Protein backbone atom coordinates (compact mmCIF):
# COMPACT_ATOMS: atom_id res chain seq x y z
CA MET A 1 99.29 72.87 81.14
CA ASP A 2 97.40 73.57 84.37
CA ALA A 3 100.34 72.39 86.52
CA PHE A 4 102.79 74.46 84.48
CA LEU A 5 100.70 77.62 84.72
CA ALA A 6 100.28 77.07 88.47
CA GLU A 7 104.07 77.05 88.83
CA CYS A 8 104.34 80.19 86.69
CA LYS A 9 101.75 81.92 88.84
CA LYS A 10 103.72 81.03 91.99
CA ILE A 11 107.09 82.31 90.69
CA ARG A 12 105.80 85.57 89.18
CA PRO A 13 105.57 87.62 92.43
CA GLN A 14 109.11 86.60 93.39
CA VAL A 15 110.43 87.69 90.00
CA LEU A 16 108.51 90.98 90.05
CA ALA A 17 110.15 91.73 93.42
CA GLU A 18 113.65 91.32 91.96
CA LYS A 19 115.80 94.41 91.50
CA GLY A 20 115.52 95.61 87.92
CA CYS A 21 112.37 93.67 86.96
CA ILE A 22 110.03 95.91 84.98
CA MET A 23 107.62 93.32 83.56
CA TYR A 24 107.13 89.55 83.84
CA ASP A 25 103.91 88.45 82.12
CA TYR A 26 102.76 85.10 80.72
CA HIS A 27 100.51 85.04 77.61
CA ARG A 28 98.50 82.50 75.60
CA GLU A 29 97.82 82.73 71.89
CA ILE A 30 94.30 83.52 70.70
CA GLN A 31 92.69 83.75 67.30
CA SER A 32 92.36 87.26 65.89
CA PRO A 33 91.08 88.90 62.70
CA LEU A 34 94.65 89.75 61.60
CA GLY A 35 95.43 88.14 58.27
CA SER A 36 99.14 88.02 59.05
CA GLN A 37 98.77 85.90 62.20
CA GLU A 38 100.47 82.52 62.30
CA PRO A 39 98.28 79.54 63.21
CA VAL A 40 97.39 79.57 66.92
CA GLN A 41 99.22 77.02 69.05
CA LYS A 42 97.01 76.35 72.07
CA ASN A 43 99.84 74.87 74.13
CA ARG A 44 102.30 77.73 73.55
CA ILE A 45 102.94 80.11 76.43
CA THR A 46 104.95 83.25 75.75
CA LEU A 47 106.69 85.01 78.61
CA LEU A 48 107.30 88.70 78.04
CA GLU A 49 109.78 90.15 80.49
CA ALA A 50 111.55 93.48 80.70
CA TRP A 51 114.63 94.26 82.78
CA GLY A 52 116.33 97.51 83.64
CA SER A 53 119.71 96.17 82.52
CA LEU A 54 121.46 93.08 81.21
CA ASP A 55 123.08 92.74 84.65
CA ALA A 56 119.62 92.54 86.25
CA LEU A 57 118.62 89.84 83.74
CA LYS A 58 121.82 87.93 84.48
CA GLU A 59 121.17 88.10 88.24
CA HIS A 60 117.59 86.93 87.66
CA SER A 61 118.81 83.92 85.69
CA ALA A 62 121.12 82.91 88.55
CA ALA A 63 118.60 83.46 91.36
CA PRO A 64 118.00 80.39 93.55
CA HIS A 65 114.21 80.63 93.16
CA MET A 66 114.62 80.54 89.37
CA LYS A 67 116.83 77.44 89.52
CA GLU A 68 114.21 75.76 91.71
CA PHE A 69 111.40 76.83 89.38
CA LEU A 70 113.24 75.53 86.29
CA ALA A 71 113.82 72.19 87.99
CA ARG A 72 110.11 71.90 88.83
CA VAL A 73 108.92 72.67 85.28
CA LYS A 74 111.66 71.01 83.20
CA ASP A 75 109.47 68.01 82.32
CA MET A 76 106.42 70.20 81.67
CA ARG A 77 107.92 72.00 78.67
CA GLU A 78 108.58 70.73 75.19
CA SER A 79 111.01 73.49 74.25
CA VAL A 80 112.25 76.94 75.19
CA THR A 81 113.31 79.76 72.89
CA ALA A 82 114.59 83.12 74.10
CA ARG A 83 115.06 86.45 72.38
CA VAL A 84 116.87 89.30 74.10
CA LEU A 85 115.97 92.66 72.62
CA GLU A 86 116.85 96.33 72.99
CA PRO A 87 114.92 99.39 71.84
CA ALA A 88 115.48 100.15 68.16
CA PHE A 89 115.21 103.92 68.70
């Protein structure tokens, strides 16, 4: 986990400098008093990112530094799930 987070910390400034990047933040789960919370998974990292457009997201995905980052962390992750959202109102 430490090696993975170190790689995430290194890539973050590069991503934040990309055209159209609004937010790029990594989060860990913690226990809370909410009764509706799923069980905490200590090894789960959630990346919340916001982009000005789908084109900006597409360019980000194809950026050379992202390809290099993904190659470095590919064996550090068990799985990846993505959700692309838009404002509901």
